[in-house]
C-alpha cells in the first residue's frame, strides 16, 4: 500500500501522552470547562443506574459497580488516549464477571481484575494495541450480539419477578428451562414496574432525546412502587442499600494458587477489555473526527482496572453508550470524563439512602434496553447478506458465544476469518493464473488504461492513495489511520483500488467510517479502479453516492477534483 505523501511515524509522545495533557497544553478556558461540566453531569446521570444494574447482573452488590465507575472512570479519562472515552463497568463483562464470581468468588474476581489491568498496561507499553484491531469485523458484531442475548436472558427472572427453586443456572439452555418451569411464580407487580421502566425509556428517547431517560424511568418506577406499596424486590431488600462513602483501598489475599486459578479469567477480561475499549474509542473518533492513541488508552485501562480492584470495584473498560452520550452532550475533552466520576461520587455521598428504594425489575428493564441496543441488528443483517464467508464467521462467533464461551467464540471466529482470507487469496491467485496479461497497474480487465502516473499526486490539496494487495482485517486499522491523517491536510482524497483483488467486511467497515469522517470535514472522496466485487462489498456497507464519487480512473477523479463541485454543474 502506498500514498503519494509519506507520513512520518508517530513519536513516543504522540503514542503515550494522555489526551488530558494535550488538552491543557492547547489551552483550557472557562467555556471549555462549562461544556465539560455539563457533559460530565449528563453522563453521570446515565452511568448511575447503569453501573448498579450491571453490578447486580454480574452477581455482586450495586456498590461495586459504582466504585468501578468512580475510580476507574476517573483514571481512564485522566490517563487515556481518547478525548471523549468514558470508562466504567460495561454490559459486555456481565457474562465473564458472573462466571468468575460463581467459581473463584468475589476475591477471585478482584484478583483477576488486577491481573487483567497489568496485562492491559503491558500490551499498551509494548505497543501491541494496533494488533487488537486485527479482530475481524464479523467477530466483533457476532460476540457483541451474543453477549446481548445472554444479558437479556439473565434479566428475565427480575423482569417478571420469578421465584426459582434453586440457584439460577449460568448456561443459557438450562437457564431458560429453569425460568420456564418457574413461569407460574411470576409477579404481576414486578412485570408492570419493568414494563413502565422500558416504556418511559423508549418514549423519552423518541420524544425527548435530550432528557436522561434511564434516570427518570428509575426514579419514576421507585416512586410508583413505594407510593403504591407494590410487592417487588428493591436494592434495599436484597442488598441492604449501598454505602454512603468510598471504601479504603485494600489488596485481596493473594496466593500462587489464587493467581493460577484467576489467570484464565484475567486473560479473558484483558482481551475483552482491550477490544471493547478500542471499539468505543473508534466510535468516538467517528463521531468527532478525532484520533485516539490506542496504546496510551490500553495503559490507562490497565491502571484503572488495578485501581478499581483495590477499591473492590468491577472490571473497567471503555463504554460505548456513555462515550457517545459524552460526545453528544458537547464535551470538550477528558475533563468531562473526570467530572463524570466526581458527580457520581457526589451522588453516592448525598443520595445513597435513596438507592434502597430502587426496584430490581426497573434495573432489569434498563439492562433489557442495553441488550437491545448492543445487539447491532442492522450490522448483523448486513453481514449475513454480504457473503457466505462473513455470515459463517458471524454466526459461528454468535452461537459459540451464546452456547459455549465468549473467549472460544472470539478465537474460533478469528481462526475462521483467517481461513476465509486464505481461501479468498487462493481463489484470486487461481483467477490471475488464467489471465496472465492482467496488469495490476491497469484496469481490472486490462481495458487499456495507462499505468499509474506519479505526477498526478503532486497536488497541494489533493492526495492519491493507492491500496495494493488484499485489503482485509489485518490491514484495516493501519489504512484507516493513514486515511484519517491524510484527511486532516487535504481538500480531496482519491483512493485507488486497481490493485486490490478483494476486500473483506472489516475493510469495508473501515472505509465506510473514513467516508463518513470525510463528509463531516468537507473533504471530497473519490474511489477509482474498483472491481465489481470490491464495489459490491462497499455498496453493501453503505459506501455509495453522493458520499463518495465512484470513478473509473485516477485521471477522471483528479480532473473532477480540480473542477470542484460547483463547476461540474455548469
Protein backbone atom coordinates (compact mmCIF):
# COMPACT_ATOMS: atom_id res chain seq x y z
CA UNK A 1 0.00 0.00 0.00
CA UNK A 2 1.38 3.37 -0.87
CA UNK A 3 0.49 7.02 -0.91
CA UNK A 4 1.88 9.94 -2.79
CA UNK A 5 2.63 11.65 0.55
CA UNK A 6 4.85 9.80 3.02
CA UNK A 7 3.78 10.47 6.62
CA UNK A 8 6.39 10.26 9.40
CA UNK A 9 5.91 7.54 12.03
CA UNK A 10 4.37 8.73 15.30
CA UNK A 11 6.78 9.67 18.08
CA UNK A 12 6.75 8.26 21.62
CA UNK A 13 4.99 11.40 22.84
CA UNK A 14 2.30 11.04 20.18
CA UNK A 15 1.72 7.45 21.30
CA UNK A 16 1.66 7.83 25.08
CA UNK A 17 0.85 11.41 26.10
CA UNK A 18 -2.61 11.37 27.74
CA UNK A 19 -5.18 13.46 25.93
CA UNK A 20 -5.87 15.33 29.19
CA UNK A 21 -2.31 16.73 28.99
CA UNK A 22 -2.79 17.56 25.31
CA UNK A 23 -5.98 19.49 26.10
CA UNK A 24 -4.28 21.53 28.83
CA UNK A 25 -1.32 22.33 26.56
CA UNK A 26 -3.69 23.59 23.87
CA UNK A 27 -5.21 25.99 26.38
CA UNK A 28 -8.23 25.28 28.55
CA UNK A 29 -10.64 28.12 29.28
CA UNK A 30 -13.86 28.73 31.16
CA UNK A 31 -16.03 27.99 28.12
CA UNK A 32 -14.48 24.54 27.73
CA UNK A 33 -14.84 23.88 31.46
CA UNK A 34 -18.55 24.71 31.35
CA UNK A 35 -19.06 22.39 28.40
CA UNK A 36 -17.20 19.57 30.15
CA UNK A 37 -19.08 20.12 33.42
CA UNK A 38 -22.46 19.86 31.68
CA UNK A 39 -21.39 16.78 29.69
CA UNK A 40 -19.93 15.16 32.81
CA UNK A 41 -23.17 15.69 34.74
CA UNK A 42 -25.22 14.26 31.86
CA UNK A 43 -23.05 11.16 31.60
CA UNK A 44 -23.07 10.68 35.39
CA UNK A 45 -26.88 10.67 35.35
CA UNK A 46 -26.78 7.92 32.71
CA UNK A 47 -24.00 5.99 34.46
CA UNK A 48 -25.62 5.93 37.91
CA UNK A 49 -28.41 3.38 37.20
CA UNK A 50 -26.34 1.51 34.62
CA UNK A 51 -23.40 0.90 36.96
CA UNK A 52 -25.67 -0.53 39.64
CA UNK A 53 -27.65 -2.64 37.16
CA UNK A 54 -24.51 -4.12 35.61
CA UNK A 55 -23.06 -4.98 39.02
CA UNK A 56 -26.25 -6.71 40.16
CA UNK A 57 -26.45 -8.68 36.90
CA UNK A 58 -22.81 -9.71 37.44
CA UNK A 59 -23.68 -11.35 40.74
CA UNK A 60 -22.29 -8.72 43.14
CA UNK A 61 -23.69 -5.74 45.04
CA UNK A 62 -24.55 -2.46 43.28
CA UNK A 63 -21.83 -0.63 45.21
CA UNK A 64 -19.07 -2.44 43.31
CA UNK A 65 -20.38 -1.07 40.02
CA UNK A 66 -20.34 2.46 41.41
CA UNK A 67 -16.78 2.06 42.72
CA UNK A 68 -15.64 0.95 39.28
CA UNK A 69 -17.37 3.91 37.61
CA UNK A 70 -15.92 6.42 40.06
CA UNK A 71 -12.33 5.19 40.45
CA UNK A 72 -11.88 3.55 37.07
CA UNK A 73 -13.83 6.20 35.18
CA UNK A 74 -11.67 8.99 36.59
CA UNK A 75 -8.38 7.27 35.69
CA UNK A 76 -9.50 6.26 32.19
CA UNK A 77 -10.23 9.90 31.37
CA UNK A 78 -7.19 11.33 33.19
CA UNK A 79 -4.63 8.94 31.68
CA UNK A 80 -6.28 7.73 28.46
CA UNK A 81 -5.54 8.33 24.81
CA UNK A 82 -9.06 9.38 23.83
CA UNK A 83 -10.57 12.81 24.35
CA UNK A 84 -14.06 11.50 24.94
CA UNK A 85 -13.77 7.97 26.34
CA UNK A 86 -15.93 7.24 29.41
CA UNK A 87 -14.73 4.30 31.48
CA UNK A 88 -16.73 2.13 33.85
CA UNK A 89 -18.42 -1.26 34.17
CA UNK A 90 -19.77 -2.50 30.85
CA UNK A 91 -22.58 -4.82 29.91
CA UNK A 92 -20.18 -6.90 27.83
CA UNK A 93 -18.45 -8.03 31.04
CA UNK A 94 -21.58 -9.31 32.78
CA UNK A 95 -21.18 -12.86 31.47
CA UNK A 96 -17.49 -13.16 32.35
CA UNK A 97 -17.76 -11.49 35.75
CA UNK A 98 -20.78 -13.57 36.75
CA UNK A 99 -18.95 -16.78 35.81
CA UNK A 100 -15.85 -15.65 37.75
CA UNK A 101 -17.85 -14.71 40.86
CA UNK A 102 -19.63 -18.07 40.71
CA UNK A 103 -16.41 -20.10 40.66
CA UNK A 104 -13.46 -18.44 42.49
CA UNK A 105 -15.74 -15.94 44.27
CA UNK A 106 -15.59 -12.16 44.65
CA UNK A 107 -11.98 -12.25 45.83
CA UNK A 108 -11.00 -14.26 42.76
CA UNK A 109 -12.80 -11.71 40.59
CA UNK A 110 -10.81 -8.88 42.17
CA UNK A 111 -7.51 -10.73 41.64
CA UNK A 112 -8.46 -11.44 38.01
CA UNK A 113 -9.33 -7.76 37.52
CA UNK A 114 -5.95 -6.64 38.89
CA UNK A 115 -4.10 -9.13 36.71
CA UNK A 116 -6.12 -8.06 33.68
CA UNK A 117 -5.09 -4.47 34.39
CA UNK A 118 -1.42 -5.47 34.43
CA UNK A 119 -1.86 -7.36 31.15
CA UNK A 120 -3.59 -4.38 29.52
CA UNK A 121 -0.84 -2.00 30.66
CA UNK A 122 1.81 -4.37 29.33
CA UNK A 123 0.04 -4.66 25.96
CA UNK A 124 -0.03 -0.88 25.68
CA UNK A 125 3.58 -0.33 26.75
CA UNK A 126 4.74 -2.96 24.26
CA UNK A 127 2.81 -1.04 21.57
CA UNK A 128 0.64 -4.02 20.71
CA UNK A 129 -2.60 -2.03 20.74
CA UNK A 130 -2.74 -1.95 16.96
CA UNK A 131 -2.89 -5.74 16.82
CA UNK A 132 -6.08 -5.79 18.90
CA UNK A 133 -7.74 -4.18 15.87
CA UNK A 134 -6.92 -7.27 13.81
CA UNK A 135 -10.12 -8.86 15.12
CA UNK A 136 -12.37 -9.24 12.03
CA UNK A 137 -15.49 -7.12 11.98
CA UNK A 138 -17.91 -10.11 11.82
CA UNK A 139 -16.31 -11.43 15.02
CA UNK A 140 -16.90 -8.19 16.94
CA UNK A 141 -20.51 -7.99 15.74
CA UNK A 142 -21.07 -11.69 16.50
CA UNK A 143 -19.79 -11.68 20.06
CA UNK A 144 -21.49 -8.36 20.85
CA UNK A 145 -24.84 -9.74 19.66
CA UNK A 146 -24.21 -12.97 21.59
CA UNK A 147 -23.50 -11.06 24.79
CA UNK A 148 -26.71 -9.06 24.26
CA UNK A 149 -28.75 -12.28 24.12
CA UNK A 150 -27.11 -13.59 27.31
CA UNK A 151 -27.66 -10.29 29.15
CA UNK A 152 -31.34 -10.26 28.24
CA UNK A 153 -31.76 -13.89 29.32
CA UNK A 154 -30.11 -13.07 32.65
CA UNK A 155 -32.72 -10.35 33.31
CA UNK A 156 -35.84 -12.45 32.70
CA UNK A 157 -36.01 -13.54 36.36
CA UNK A 158 -36.13 -9.96 37.69
CA UNK A 159 -38.21 -8.66 34.77
CA UNK A 160 -41.07 -10.95 35.78
CA UNK A 161 -40.28 -11.38 39.46
CA UNK A 162 -39.84 -15.16 39.15
CA UNK A 163 -39.01 -17.34 42.16
CA UNK A 164 -36.67 -20.24 41.36
CA UNK A 165 -36.45 -23.40 43.46
CA UNK A 166 -32.65 -23.33 43.37
CA UNK A 167 -29.82 -21.20 42.03
CA UNK A 168 -30.29 -19.79 38.53
CA UNK A 169 -28.11 -21.80 36.07
CA UNK A 170 -25.39 -19.92 34.21
CA UNK A 171 -25.66 -21.74 30.85
CA UNK A 172 -28.33 -20.43 28.50
CA UNK A 173 -30.39 -23.55 27.81
CA UNK A 174 -30.57 -24.77 31.45
CA UNK A 175 -31.32 -21.16 32.47
CA UNK A 176 -34.23 -20.91 30.04
CA UNK A 177 -35.54 -24.31 31.18
CA UNK A 178 -35.42 -23.25 34.84
CA UNK A 179 -37.12 -19.93 34.08
CA UNK A 180 -39.83 -21.66 32.07
CA UNK A 181 -40.53 -24.10 34.90
CA UNK A 182 -40.90 -21.13 37.28
CA UNK A 183 -43.32 -19.24 35.00
CA UNK A 184 -46.17 -19.88 37.44
CA UNK A 185 -44.42 -17.78 40.10
CA UNK A 186 -44.44 -14.59 38.01
CA UNK A 187 -45.13 -11.40 39.95
CA UNK A 188 -47.52 -9.09 38.03
CA UNK A 189 -46.31 -6.06 40.02
CA UNK A 190 -42.68 -6.73 39.04
CA UNK A 191 -43.64 -7.16 35.38
CA UNK A 192 -45.61 -3.90 35.50
CA UNK A 193 -42.70 -1.97 37.03
CA UNK A 194 -40.31 -3.38 34.39
CA UNK A 195 -42.76 -2.54 31.59
CA UNK A 196 -43.19 1.01 32.94
CA UNK A 197 -39.41 1.48 33.01
CA UNK A 198 -38.96 0.26 29.45
CA UNK A 199 -41.85 2.35 28.11
CA UNK A 200 -40.56 5.51 29.76
CA UNK A 201 -37.02 4.99 28.41
CA UNK A 202 -38.24 4.25 24.87
CA UNK A 203 -40.78 7.08 24.93
CA UNK A 204 -38.30 9.69 26.17
CA UNK A 205 -35.69 8.57 23.65
CA UNK A 206 -38.19 9.16 20.86
CA UNK A 207 -39.93 12.34 22.01
CA UNK A 208 -37.38 13.92 24.38
CA UNK A 209 -33.99 12.51 23.36
CA UNK A 210 -32.10 15.13 25.34
CA UNK A 211 -33.62 14.04 28.65
CA UNK A 212 -31.90 11.44 30.90
CA UNK A 213 -34.41 8.69 30.17
CA UNK A 214 -32.86 5.94 32.27
CA UNK A 215 -32.61 8.00 35.44
CA UNK A 216 -36.13 9.41 35.01
CA UNK A 217 -37.50 5.90 34.43
CA UNK A 218 -35.74 4.52 37.52
CA UNK A 219 -36.90 7.41 39.71
CA UNK A 220 -40.48 7.12 38.46
CA UNK A 221 -40.54 3.35 38.97
CA UNK A 222 -39.17 3.74 42.51
CA UNK A 223 -41.74 6.41 43.33
CA UNK A 224 -44.65 4.36 41.96
CA UNK A 225 -43.52 1.17 43.71
CA UNK A 226 -43.11 3.00 47.05
CA UNK A 227 -46.31 5.03 46.84
CA UNK A 228 -48.44 2.03 45.89
CA UNK A 229 -46.68 -0.38 48.23
CA UNK A 230 -46.01 -2.83 45.41
CA UNK A 231 -44.58 -6.21 46.45
CA UNK A 232 -41.35 -6.01 44.43
CA UNK A 233 -37.72 -6.59 45.38
CA UNK A 234 -35.58 -3.49 45.80
CA UNK A 235 -31.89 -2.77 46.27
CA UNK A 236 -32.63 -2.31 49.96
CA UNK A 237 -34.46 -5.62 50.39
CA UNK A 238 -31.83 -7.68 48.56
CA UNK A 239 -28.57 -5.84 49.33
CA UNK A 240 -29.40 -3.58 52.27
CA UNK A 241 -28.73 -0.44 50.22
CA UNK A 242 -25.36 0.99 49.23
CA UNK A 243 -22.64 2.59 51.40
CA UNK A 244 -22.55 6.38 51.64
CA UNK A 245 -18.77 6.61 51.13
CA UNK A 246 -15.89 5.02 49.24
CA UNK A 247 -14.06 2.12 50.91
CA UNK A 248 -10.37 2.31 51.76
CA UNK A 249 -8.13 0.67 49.15
CA UNK A 250 -7.05 -2.83 50.13
CA UNK A 251 -5.27 -5.74 48.47
CA UNK A 252 -7.17 -9.04 48.31
CA UNK A 253 -5.39 -12.03 49.81
CA UNK A 254 -3.07 -13.17 47.04
CA UNK A 255 -1.54 -16.65 46.83
CA UNK A 256 0.07 -18.56 43.99
CA UNK A 257 -2.92 -20.90 43.86
CA UNK A 258 -5.33 -17.96 43.54
CA UNK A 259 -3.20 -16.35 40.84
CA UNK A 260 -3.13 -19.60 38.88
CA UNK A 261 -6.88 -20.02 39.23
CA UNK A 262 -7.54 -16.39 38.20
CA UNK A 263 -5.19 -16.32 35.19
CA UNK A 264 -7.66 -17.64 32.55
CA UNK A 265 -10.29 -15.15 33.72
CA UNK A 266 -7.70 -12.34 33.76
CA UNK A 267 -6.73 -13.06 30.15
CA UNK A 268 -10.41 -13.07 29.14
CA UNK A 269 -11.00 -9.79 30.99
CA UNK A 270 -7.95 -8.21 29.32
CA UNK A 271 -8.88 -9.41 25.83
CA UNK A 272 -12.48 -8.26 26.07
CA UNK A 273 -11.48 -5.02 27.81
CA UNK A 274 -8.98 -4.15 25.08
CA UNK A 275 -11.46 -4.87 22.30
CA UNK A 276 -14.35 -3.04 23.96
CA UNK A 277 -12.22 0.00 24.88
CA UNK A 278 -10.71 0.43 21.43
CA UNK A 279 -14.10 -0.09 19.77
CA UNK A 280 -15.53 2.63 22.00
CA UNK A 281 -12.61 4.94 21.17
CA UNK A 282 -13.15 4.30 17.45
CA UNK A 283 -16.84 5.15 17.83
CA UNK A 284 -15.86 8.45 19.48
CA UNK A 285 -13.38 9.11 16.67
CA UNK A 286 -16.09 8.50 14.11
CA UNK A 287 -18.46 10.94 15.83
CA UNK A 288 -15.89 13.72 16.23
CA UNK A 289 -13.28 13.28 13.51
CA UNK A 290 -10.55 12.93 16.18
CA UNK A 291 -8.00 10.11 16.54
CA UNK A 292 -7.31 8.26 19.76
CA UNK A 293 -3.94 6.85 20.91
CA UNK A 294 -4.64 3.16 21.24
CA UNK A 295 -1.56 2.16 23.24
CA UNK A 296 -1.97 5.06 25.65
CA UNK A 297 -5.63 4.08 26.04
CA UNK A 298 -4.70 0.50 26.95
CA UNK A 299 -2.18 1.66 29.56
CA UNK A 300 -4.88 3.84 31.12
CA UNK A 301 -7.35 0.95 31.09
CA UNK A 302 -4.75 -1.19 32.83
CA UNK A 303 -4.12 1.34 35.60
CA UNK A 304 -7.87 1.87 36.01
CA UNK A 305 -8.55 -1.85 36.45
CA UNK A 306 -5.83 -2.26 39.08
CA UNK A 307 -7.17 0.75 41.00
CA UNK A 308 -10.79 -0.38 40.68
CA UNK A 309 -9.92 -3.79 42.14
CA UNK A 310 -8.09 -2.13 45.05
CA UNK A 311 -11.34 -0.36 45.93
CA UNK A 312 -13.41 -3.51 45.45
CA UNK A 313 -14.82 -2.49 42.07
CA UNK A 314 -15.66 -4.40 38.91
CA UNK A 315 -13.68 -4.54 35.68
CA UNK A 316 -13.38 -1.22 33.88
CA UNK A 317 -13.49 -0.65 30.14
CA UNK A 318 -14.49 1.98 27.63
CA UNK A 319 -18.28 2.14 27.43
CA UNK A 320 -19.72 2.89 24.01
CA UNK A 321 -23.14 4.22 25.07
CA UNK A 322 -21.75 6.53 27.77
CA UNK A 323 -18.93 7.70 25.49
CA UNK A 324 -21.44 8.53 22.75
CA UNK A 325 -23.56 10.39 25.32
CA UNK A 326 -20.48 12.35 26.34
CA UNK A 327 -19.84 13.41 22.73
CA UNK A 328 -23.48 14.32 22.07
CA UNK A 329 -23.56 16.36 25.30
CA UNK A 330 -20.89 18.70 23.91
CA UNK A 331 -17.83 17.53 25.85
CA UNK A 332 -14.62 19.38 25.05
CA UNK A 333 -12.14 16.78 26.32
CA UNK A 334 -11.17 14.31 29.07
CA UNK A 335 -12.09 16.73 31.87
CA UNK A 336 -15.73 15.77 31.17
CA UNK A 337 -14.99 12.12 31.97
CA UNK A 338 -13.12 13.07 35.14
CA UNK A 339 -16.05 15.26 36.22
CA UNK A 340 -18.49 12.43 35.47
CA UNK A 341 -16.62 10.39 38.10
CA UNK A 342 -16.76 13.34 40.51
CA UNK A 343 -20.50 13.75 40.07
CA UNK A 344 -21.01 10.01 40.66
CA UNK A 345 -19.06 10.30 43.90
CA UNK A 346 -21.25 13.24 44.90
CA UNK A 347 -24.38 11.19 44.20
CA UNK A 348 -23.06 8.38 46.42
CA UNK A 349 -22.19 10.75 49.26
CA UNK A 350 -25.51 12.61 49.15
CA UNK A 351 -28.18 10.28 47.75
CA UNK A 352 -27.06 6.76 48.75
CA UNK A 353 -30.07 6.17 51.08
CA UNK A 354 -32.49 6.77 48.21
CA UNK A 355 -30.94 3.87 46.24
CA UNK A 356 -32.55 1.43 48.68
CA UNK A 357 -35.96 2.20 47.13
CA UNK A 358 -34.94 1.33 43.53
CA UNK A 359 -36.93 -1.75 42.34
CA UNK A 360 -34.84 -4.53 40.83
CA UNK A 361 -37.37 -5.03 37.99
CA UNK A 362 -36.67 -1.42 36.97
CA UNK A 363 -32.92 -2.09 36.77
CA UNK A 364 -33.70 -5.26 34.80
CA UNK A 365 -35.69 -3.09 32.38
CA UNK A 366 -32.68 -0.81 31.96
CA UNK A 367 -30.48 -3.77 31.09
CA UNK A 368 -33.10 -5.11 28.68
CA UNK A 369 -32.80 -1.81 26.78
CA UNK A 370 -28.99 -2.04 26.96
CA UNK A 371 -29.10 -5.56 25.49
CA UNK A 372 -31.40 -4.44 22.67
CA UNK A 373 -29.07 -1.56 21.78
CA UNK A 374 -25.98 -3.80 21.99
CA UNK A 375 -27.31 -6.33 19.50
CA UNK A 376 -26.22 -4.26 16.43
CA UNK A 377 -29.15 -5.62 14.46
CA UNK A 378 -28.51 -3.62 11.28
CA UNK A 379 -24.83 -4.63 11.13
CA UNK A 380 -25.77 -8.26 11.86
CA UNK A 381 -28.24 -8.33 8.96
CA UNK A 382 -25.77 -6.59 6.61
CA UNK A 383 -23.05 -9.18 7.31
CA UNK A 384 -25.44 -12.12 6.92
CA UNK A 385 -26.36 -10.78 3.46
CA UNK A 386 -22.89 -9.64 2.37
CA UNK A 387 -21.24 -13.03 1.75
CA UNK A 388 -21.42 -16.64 2.88
CA UNK A 389 -17.93 -16.40 4.37
CA UNK A 390 -18.72 -13.38 6.53
CA UNK A 391 -22.05 -14.96 7.52
CA UNK A 392 -20.22 -18.13 8.61
CA UNK A 393 -17.74 -16.19 10.77
CA UNK A 394 -20.53 -14.07 12.26
CA UNK A 395 -22.88 -16.93 13.09
CA UNK A 396 -20.12 -19.18 14.44
CA UNK A 397 -18.97 -16.44 16.80
CA UNK A 398 -22.55 -15.62 17.77
CA UNK A 399 -23.64 -19.17 18.61
CA UNK A 400 -20.37 -20.13 20.32
CA UNK A 401 -20.65 -17.02 22.49
CA UNK A 402 -24.19 -17.94 23.47
CA UNK A 403 -23.85 -21.68 23.98
CA UNK A 404 -20.17 -22.20 24.78
CA UNK A 405 -17.85 -19.42 25.89
CA UNK A 406 -17.05 -15.84 24.89
CA UNK A 407 -13.31 -16.45 24.54
CA UNK A 408 -13.92 -19.57 22.48
CA UNK A 409 -16.26 -17.61 20.22
CA UNK A 410 -13.63 -14.92 19.59
CA UNK A 411 -10.80 -17.44 18.97
CA UNK A 412 -12.85 -19.61 16.60
CA UNK A 413 -14.24 -16.56 14.82
CA UNK A 414 -10.74 -15.15 14.32
CA UNK A 415 -9.49 -18.52 13.03
CA UNK A 416 -12.40 -18.79 10.59
CA UNK A 417 -11.73 -15.22 9.43
CA UNK A 418 -8.09 -16.13 8.75
CA UNK A 419 -9.12 -19.28 6.84
CA UNK A 420 -11.61 -17.24 4.84
CA UNK A 421 -8.84 -14.82 3.91
CA UNK A 422 -6.56 -17.69 2.80
CA UNK A 423 -9.38 -19.15 0.71
CA UNK A 424 -10.07 -15.81 -0.96
CA UNK A 425 -6.39 -15.36 -1.71
CA UNK A 426 -6.29 -18.83 -3.28
CA UNK A 427 -9.30 -18.01 -5.44
CA UNK A 428 -7.74 -14.72 -6.54
CA UNK A 429 -4.46 -16.45 -7.43
CA UNK A 430 -6.34 -19.02 -9.50
CA UNK A 431 -8.12 -16.31 -11.47
CA UNK A 432 -4.87 -14.49 -12.23
CA UNK A 433 -3.22 -17.72 -13.38
CA UNK A 434 -5.77 -17.98 -16.20
CA UNK A 435 -5.33 -14.31 -17.16
CA UNK A 436 -1.55 -13.86 -17.44
CA UNK A 437 -1.83 -10.49 -19.21
CA UNK A 438 -3.59 -8.78 -16.31
CA UNK A 439 -1.52 -5.84 -15.08
CA UNK A 440 -2.38 -4.69 -11.57
CA UNK A 441 -1.33 -1.15 -12.51
CA UNK A 442 -4.03 -1.15 -15.19
CA UNK A 443 -7.78 -1.61 -15.09
CA UNK A 444 -9.25 -4.81 -13.62
CA UNK A 445 -9.98 -6.11 -17.13
CA UNK A 446 -6.85 -4.71 -18.85
CA UNK A 447 -9.01 -2.29 -20.78
CA UNK A 448 -6.15 -0.14 -21.96
CA UNK A 449 -5.78 2.39 -19.18
CA UNK A 450 -2.30 3.83 -18.87
CA UNK A 451 -0.06 2.81 -15.95
CA UNK A 452 -0.23 4.95 -12.85
CA UNK A 453 1.48 8.31 -13.28
CA UNK A 454 3.13 9.58 -10.04
CA UNK A 455 2.90 13.18 -11.24
CA UNK A 456 -0.86 13.01 -10.70
CA UNK A 457 -0.24 13.00 -6.96
CA UNK A 458 1.85 16.16 -6.84
CA UNK A 459 -1.01 18.37 -5.72
CA UNK A 460 -1.19 20.54 -2.62
CA UNK A 461 -4.89 19.99 -1.85
CA UNK A 462 -5.47 16.60 -3.48
CA UNK A 463 -3.86 13.33 -2.43
CA UNK A 464 -3.94 9.98 -4.21
CA UNK A 465 -3.74 6.88 -2.03
CA UNK A 466 -3.28 3.52 -3.74
CA UNK A 467 -4.08 0.29 -1.90
CA UNK A 468 -2.09 -2.64 -3.23
CA UNK A 469 -2.96 -6.25 -2.47
CA UNK A 470 -5.75 -7.90 -0.49
CA UNK A 471 -7.38 -5.40 1.86
CA UNK A 472 -8.59 -7.40 4.87
CA UNK A 473 -8.93 -7.16 8.65
CA UNK A 474 -5.19 -7.27 9.42
CA UNK A 475 -4.57 -4.12 7.36
CA UNK A 476 -7.82 -2.27 8.03
CA UNK A 477 -6.72 -0.34 11.12
CA UNK A 478 -3.43 0.80 9.55
CA UNK A 479 -5.12 2.01 6.36
CA UNK A 480 -7.88 3.69 8.38
CA UNK A 481 -5.32 5.59 10.47
CA UNK A 482 -3.44 6.78 7.35
CA UNK A 483 -6.66 7.92 5.66
CA UNK A 484 -7.57 9.88 8.78
CA UNK A 485 -4.20 11.64 8.82
CA UNK A 486 -4.41 12.44 5.11
CA UNK A 487 -7.89 13.96 5.53
CA UNK A 488 -6.50 16.42 8.07
CA UNK A 489 -4.38 18.14 5.42
CA UNK A 490 -6.22 17.95 2.10
CA UNK A 491 -9.46 19.01 0.43
CA UNK A 492 -9.87 15.95 -1.79
CA UNK A 493 -8.81 12.33 -1.42
CA UNK A 494 -8.60 9.77 -4.22
CA UNK A 495 -8.39 6.12 -3.12
CA UNK A 496 -7.42 3.76 -5.93
CA UNK A 497 -8.44 0.08 -5.80
CA UNK A 498 -6.97 -1.03 -9.13
CA UNK A 499 -4.50 -3.37 -7.40
CA UNK A 500 -6.97 -4.71 -4.82
CA UNK A 501 -8.15 -8.22 -5.72
CA UNK A 502 -10.71 -8.24 -2.87
CA UNK A 503 -11.59 -6.65 0.45
CA UNK A 504 -13.46 -8.09 3.41
CA UNK A 505 -16.21 -6.68 5.63
CA UNK A 506 -13.71 -5.29 8.16
CA UNK A 507 -12.00 -3.28 5.44
CA UNK A 508 -15.36 -2.16 4.05
CA UNK A 509 -16.45 -1.00 7.50
CA UNK A 510 -13.17 0.92 7.91
CA UNK A 511 -13.68 2.66 4.57
CA UNK A 512 -17.30 3.46 5.46
CA UNK A 513 -16.01 5.20 8.60
CA UNK A 514 -13.39 7.11 6.59
CA UNK A 515 -16.06 8.27 4.14
CA UNK A 516 -18.30 9.45 7.00
CA UNK A 517 -15.42 11.44 8.52
CA UNK A 518 -14.52 12.96 5.16
CA UNK A 519 -18.13 14.02 4.68
CA UNK A 520 -18.17 15.79 8.05
CA UNK A 521 -14.86 17.55 7.34
CA UNK A 522 -15.89 18.70 3.90
CA UNK A 523 -13.26 16.52 2.19
CA UNK A 524 -14.34 15.21 -1.23
CA UNK A 525 -13.66 11.49 -1.60
CA UNK A 526 -13.20 9.54 -4.84
CA UNK A 527 -12.87 5.76 -5.27
CA UNK A 528 -11.27 4.60 -8.53
CA UNK A 529 -10.42 1.33 -10.25
CA UNK A 530 -12.68 -0.84 -8.09
CA UNK A 531 -13.60 -4.24 -9.46
CA UNK A 532 -17.24 -5.36 -9.45
CA UNK A 533 -16.69 -7.49 -6.34
CA UNK A 534 -14.93 -4.75 -4.40
CA UNK A 535 -17.61 -2.23 -5.33
CA UNK A 536 -20.44 -4.56 -4.33
CA UNK A 537 -18.87 -5.19 -0.92
CA UNK A 538 -18.51 -1.45 -0.31
CA UNK A 539 -22.05 -0.72 -1.50
CA UNK A 540 -23.43 -3.31 0.91
CA UNK A 541 -21.81 -1.34 3.76
CA UNK A 542 -23.38 1.96 2.70
CA UNK A 543 -20.44 3.38 0.72
CA UNK A 544 -22.34 4.95 -2.15
CA UNK A 545 -23.09 8.19 -3.99
CA UNK A 546 -23.17 11.06 -3.11
CA UNK A 547 -20.97 10.42 -0.05
CA UNK A 548 -18.25 9.08 -2.32
CA UNK A 549 -17.72 9.52 -6.05
CA UNK A 550 -17.03 6.30 -7.98
CA UNK A 551 -14.78 6.91 -10.97
CA UNK A 552 -13.09 4.66 -13.48
CA UNK A 553 -9.58 6.13 -13.40
CA UNK A 554 -7.41 8.31 -11.21
CA UNK A 555 -7.24 10.86 -14.07
CA UNK A 556 -11.03 11.24 -14.11
CA UNK A 557 -11.15 11.72 -10.35
CA UNK A 558 -8.31 14.26 -10.42
CA UNK A 559 -9.98 16.27 -13.19
CA UNK A 560 -13.25 16.36 -11.26
CA UNK A 561 -11.47 17.28 -8.03
CA UNK A 562 -9.75 20.17 -9.85
CA UNK A 563 -13.01 21.38 -11.34
CA UNK A 564 -14.81 21.42 -8.00
CA UNK A 565 -18.46 20.53 -7.35
CA UNK A 566 -19.81 23.91 -8.46
CA UNK A 567 -18.11 23.96 -11.88
CA UNK A 568 -19.34 20.46 -12.73
CA UNK A 569 -22.95 21.64 -12.73
CA UNK A 570 -22.37 24.31 -15.43
